[in-house]
Amino acid sequence: MSNTHHAAERMQQRSIPPIIVEFLERFGSSMRSGGADRLFFDKAACRRLRAHLGGERGLKPISNWLNVYIVIGDDGQLITAARQTGRFRRR
């Protein structure tokens, strides 16, 4: 997946490592949002990630980034990355 210039800037500003974006792509839950897909870690995604990393000990080092979400456009480009501050409203 390619990043937009905006996404690269936001990842740097918000200290979001590329491995977290990769984990979101592989294990994150998806929600349609404003003409794009939002990938985030919910309980099910954390369960999948925990199983991949070998349990709770594997999940602990990345626990600071479990509130991160990314937005992917329909063309497959990463649009932005941010930290979730509240709940996502499902429609």
Protein backbone atom coordinates (compact mmCIF):
# COMPACT_ATOMS: atom_id res chain seq x y z
CA MET A 1 0.00 0.00 0.00
CA SER A 2 1.26 3.46 -0.81
CA ASN A 3 1.06 6.45 1.50
CA THR A 4 -0.04 9.93 0.60
CA HIS A 5 2.20 12.82 1.60
CA HIS A 6 -0.42 13.77 4.19
CA ALA A 7 -0.36 10.29 5.74
CA ALA A 8 3.44 10.26 5.97
CA GLU A 9 3.40 13.63 7.73
CA ARG A 10 0.69 12.57 10.16
CA MET A 11 2.45 9.31 11.02
CA GLN A 12 5.61 11.25 11.82
CA GLN A 13 3.80 13.97 13.79
CA ARG A 14 1.81 11.45 15.81
CA SER A 15 4.70 9.00 16.35
CA ILE A 16 2.93 6.10 14.68
CA PRO A 17 5.44 3.46 13.53
CA PRO A 18 4.91 1.73 10.16
CA ILE A 19 4.61 -1.67 11.86
CA ILE A 20 1.37 -0.50 13.52
CA VAL A 21 -0.05 0.42 10.10
CA GLU A 22 0.93 -3.06 8.88
CA PHE A 23 -0.77 -4.68 11.89
CA LEU A 24 -3.91 -2.63 11.21
CA GLU A 25 -3.93 -3.77 7.57
CA ARG A 26 -3.58 -7.42 8.56
CA PHE A 27 -5.63 -7.66 11.77
CA GLY A 28 -7.70 -4.47 12.11
CA SER A 29 -11.46 -4.24 11.94
CA SER A 30 -12.92 -2.18 9.14
CA MET A 31 -15.70 0.39 9.04
CA ARG A 32 -16.87 2.44 6.07
CA SER A 33 -16.45 6.14 6.80
CA GLY A 34 -17.06 9.03 4.42
CA GLY A 35 -16.12 7.31 1.17
CA ALA A 36 -13.14 5.44 2.64
CA ASP A 37 -12.40 2.53 4.98
CA ARG A 38 -11.31 3.10 8.55
CA LEU A 39 -9.21 0.32 10.11
CA PHE A 40 -8.93 0.18 13.89
CA PHE A 41 -8.27 -2.19 16.78
CA ASP A 42 -11.42 -3.37 18.52
CA LYS A 43 -11.73 -6.40 20.81
CA ALA A 44 -11.82 -8.86 17.92
CA ALA A 45 -8.82 -7.24 16.21
CA CYS A 46 -6.84 -7.26 19.46
CA ARG A 47 -7.69 -10.94 19.88
CA ARG A 48 -6.36 -11.72 16.38
CA LEU A 49 -3.24 -9.64 16.98
CA ARG A 50 -2.64 -11.24 20.39
CA ALA A 51 -2.80 -14.71 18.82
CA HIS A 52 -0.33 -13.65 16.11
CA LEU A 53 2.13 -12.12 18.60
CA GLY A 54 2.05 -15.07 20.97
CA GLY A 55 -0.16 -13.94 23.81
CA GLU A 56 -0.37 -11.03 26.20
CA ARG A 57 3.41 -10.68 26.50
CA GLY A 58 3.69 -10.09 22.76
CA LEU A 59 0.92 -7.48 22.81
CA LYS A 60 2.34 -5.46 25.71
CA PRO A 61 5.13 -3.65 23.78
CA ILE A 62 2.64 -2.20 21.28
CA SER A 63 -0.14 -1.43 23.76
CA ASN A 64 0.51 2.33 23.42
CA TRP A 65 -0.61 2.16 19.78
CA LEU A 66 -3.80 0.12 20.15
CA ASN A 67 -5.85 3.34 19.97
CA VAL A 68 -4.51 4.20 16.50
CA TYR A 69 -6.65 4.05 13.37
CA ILE A 70 -5.91 4.55 9.68
CA VAL A 71 -8.07 5.67 6.78
CA ILE A 72 -7.63 3.93 3.42
CA GLY A 73 -9.16 5.35 0.26
CA ASP A 74 -10.95 3.32 -2.39
CA ASP A 75 -7.80 3.48 -4.54
CA GLY A 76 -5.86 1.62 -1.81
CA GLN A 77 -3.78 4.58 -0.65
CA LEU A 78 -3.27 5.33 3.02
CA ILE A 79 -4.92 8.73 3.50
CA THR A 80 -4.21 9.45 7.16
CA ALA A 81 -3.37 7.93 10.53
CA ALA A 82 -4.53 9.21 13.92
CA ARG A 83 -5.22 8.30 17.51
CA GLN A 84 -8.77 7.52 18.53
CA THR A 85 -9.99 9.80 21.30
CA GLY A 86 -13.62 8.70 21.54
CA ARG A 87 -15.93 5.98 20.29
CA PHE A 88 -16.63 5.47 16.62
CA ARG A 89 -20.30 5.80 15.85
CA ARG A 90 -21.53 2.98 13.67
CA ARG A 91 -24.25 3.84 11.22
